[in-house]
Protein backbone atom coordinates (compact mmCIF):
# COMPACT_ATOMS: atom_id res chain seq x y z
CA MET A 1 0.85 5.70 2.08
CA LYS A 2 -0.13 2.10 2.68
CA PHE A 3 -1.73 0.26 -0.27
CA PHE A 4 -3.59 -3.06 -0.11
CA LEU A 5 -3.53 -5.29 -3.21
CA ASP A 6 -6.79 -7.17 -3.57
CA GLU A 7 -6.73 -10.93 -4.04
CA ASN A 8 -7.69 -10.56 -7.72
CA LEU A 9 -4.20 -9.17 -8.39
CA SER A 10 -1.06 -11.26 -8.48
CA PRO A 11 0.69 -10.87 -5.12
CA LEU A 12 3.95 -10.62 -7.08
CA VAL A 13 2.91 -7.12 -8.22
CA ALA A 14 3.81 -5.86 -4.72
CA LYS A 15 7.53 -6.34 -5.40
CA PRO A 16 7.87 -3.99 -8.40
CA LEU A 17 5.62 -1.46 -6.67
CA ALA A 18 7.79 -1.50 -3.54
CA ALA A 19 10.94 -1.21 -5.67
CA VAL A 20 9.63 1.93 -7.41
CA TYR A 21 7.61 3.61 -4.66
CA LEU A 22 10.11 3.52 -1.81
CA ASN A 23 8.15 5.81 0.51
CA HIS A 24 5.00 3.68 0.38
CA GLU A 25 3.97 0.25 1.68
CA PHE A 26 2.26 -2.52 -0.26
CA GLY A 27 0.53 -5.49 1.31
CA THR A 28 -1.40 -8.28 -0.34
CA ALA A 29 -4.50 -10.26 0.54
CA GLN A 30 -2.26 -13.31 0.72
CA ASP A 31 0.27 -11.64 3.06
CA GLU A 32 -2.50 -10.45 5.34
CA ASP A 33 -4.41 -13.75 5.22
CA LEU A 34 -7.45 -11.90 3.86
CA THR A 35 -8.32 -14.02 0.84
CA LYS A 36 -11.96 -15.07 0.52
CA VAL A 37 -13.11 -12.24 2.82
CA LYS A 38 -16.27 -10.48 1.59
CA ASP A 39 -15.63 -6.94 0.38
CA VAL A 40 -17.56 -4.99 3.03
CA GLU A 41 -15.76 -6.84 5.83
CA LEU A 42 -12.47 -6.56 3.92
CA PHE A 43 -12.65 -2.76 3.69
CA THR A 44 -13.18 -2.45 7.43
CA GLU A 45 -10.38 -4.88 8.22
CA ILE A 46 -7.78 -3.37 5.92
CA ARG A 47 -8.51 0.09 7.31
CA ARG A 48 -8.13 -1.31 10.82
CA ARG A 49 -4.70 -2.60 9.74
CA GLY A 50 -3.65 0.85 8.59
CA TYR A 51 -4.25 0.64 4.85
CA GLU A 52 -5.34 3.85 3.19
CA ALA A 53 -6.10 2.54 -0.30
CA ILE A 54 -7.11 -0.64 -2.09
CA ILE A 55 -5.84 -1.58 -5.54
CA THR A 56 -8.14 -4.00 -7.35
CA LYS A 57 -9.39 -5.21 -10.72
CA ASP A 58 -12.98 -5.35 -9.40
CA ARG A 59 -14.69 -2.64 -11.43
CA ASN A 60 -18.08 -3.27 -9.85
CA GLN A 61 -17.32 -2.39 -6.23
CA HIS A 62 -18.18 1.27 -6.71
CA ARG A 63 -21.51 0.29 -8.31
CA ILE A 64 -22.66 -1.85 -5.38
CA GLU A 65 -24.15 0.43 -2.74
CA ASP A 66 -23.03 -1.37 0.45
CA GLU A 67 -19.49 -1.81 -0.91
CA ARG A 68 -19.28 1.81 -2.06
CA ARG A 69 -20.56 2.90 1.36
CA ALA A 70 -17.97 0.72 3.15
CA ILE A 71 -15.17 2.22 1.04
CA PHE A 72 -16.37 5.71 1.93
CA ASP A 73 -17.05 4.99 5.62
CA ASN A 74 -13.57 3.51 6.02
CA GLY A 75 -11.92 6.48 4.31
CA LEU A 76 -10.29 4.33 1.64
CA GLN A 77 -9.03 5.44 -1.73
CA TRP A 78 -10.25 2.97 -4.37
CA ILE A 79 -7.85 2.31 -7.24
CA CYS A 80 -9.00 0.07 -10.06
CA HIS A 81 -7.11 -0.82 -13.17
CA ARG A 82 -8.86 -1.60 -16.39
CA MET A 83 -7.13 -4.19 -18.48
CA GLY A 84 -8.20 -7.15 -20.56
CA LYS A 85 -7.50 -10.68 -19.41
CA HIS A 86 -4.07 -12.00 -20.25
CA ALA A 87 -2.49 -15.18 -18.96
CA GLY A 88 1.01 -16.12 -17.94
CA ILE A 89 4.01 -13.84 -18.08
CA ARG A 90 2.24 -11.46 -20.47
CA GLY A 91 -0.59 -11.01 -17.98
CA PHE A 92 1.79 -10.42 -15.08
CA ALA A 93 3.95 -8.00 -17.10
CA LEU A 94 0.96 -5.98 -18.30
CA GLU A 95 -0.69 -5.92 -14.88
CA SER A 96 2.55 -4.85 -13.17
CA ALA A 97 3.31 -2.21 -15.79
CA THR A 98 -0.23 -0.82 -15.64
CA ILE A 99 -0.19 -0.43 -11.88
CA VAL A 100 3.42 0.75 -11.55
CA ALA A 101 2.98 3.38 -14.28
CA GLY A 102 -0.53 4.44 -13.23
CA LEU A 103 0.10 4.76 -9.51
CA GLN A 104 2.35 7.79 -9.94
CA PHE A 105 -0.61 9.71 -11.38
CA VAL A 106 -2.90 8.52 -8.59
CA ILE A 107 -0.41 9.67 -5.95
CA GLU A 108 -0.07 13.07 -7.65
CA GLU A 109 -3.86 13.49 -7.75
CA LEU A 110 -4.79 12.08 -4.32
CA ARG A 111 -7.68 13.82 -2.61
CA PRO A 112 -8.17 13.89 1.17
CA GLU A 113 -11.60 12.24 1.02
CA PRO A 114 -12.27 8.85 -0.62
CA HIS A 115 -12.18 8.83 -4.39
CA LEU A 116 -12.32 6.32 -7.21
CA TYR A 117 -9.24 6.25 -9.46
CA LEU A 118 -9.55 4.26 -12.70
CA VAL A 119 -6.13 3.42 -14.14
CA LYS A 120 -6.10 2.59 -17.84
CA GLY A 121 -4.30 -0.56 -18.94
CA ILE A 122 -1.01 -0.60 -20.81
CA GLU A 123 -1.35 -1.38 -24.51
CA ALA A 124 -1.43 -5.15 -24.85
CA GLN A 125 -1.18 -5.92 -28.54
CA PRO A 126 2.30 -6.78 -29.83
CA GLU A 127 2.08 -4.10 -32.55
CA GLN A 128 1.33 -1.51 -29.84
CA ARG A 129 4.40 -2.44 -27.81
CA LEU A 130 6.94 -3.64 -30.38
CA LYS A 131 8.42 -2.67 -33.72
CA ILE A 132 10.83 -5.01 -35.47
CA GLN A 133 13.26 -3.85 -38.15
CA ARG A 134 15.87 -5.71 -40.12
CA VAL A 135 19.40 -4.46 -39.51
CA ARG A 136 20.40 -2.79 -42.74
CA LEU A 137 24.10 -2.93 -43.37
CA ASP A 138 23.85 -0.78 -46.52
CA VAL A 139 23.18 2.36 -44.45
CA TRP A 140 26.44 2.13 -42.53
CA ALA A 141 29.36 4.04 -43.93
CA ALA A 142 32.36 1.89 -44.80
């Protein structure tokens, strides 16, 4: 399957996706020179270029009638990930992890006609991702 990464995602996310999902293709708005293109036109153009799905952070596209209609008319699967805003390496790591982990479930559940797939974000708080313990030497046998 050929997936298009919307311009609101880091184009660097395509690399971990391609490394994990070897039988699929991932293109970005930057690679395709499709930044700043309005959504309705974008959906038509990416379908013309062979894309079957769009991955985006834009949660409102399915609420806007002409955009929803363009997604449907172009036969695109719409994949949106929900995640808070995080900057820098944390933002990239969380965004990449969310999409890489979530896409396997999307692929398993793909329907032949256009659908909306909402991928939940990876836990972002340090206490949700990390536990720190002191190394206790007293528990090792001598």
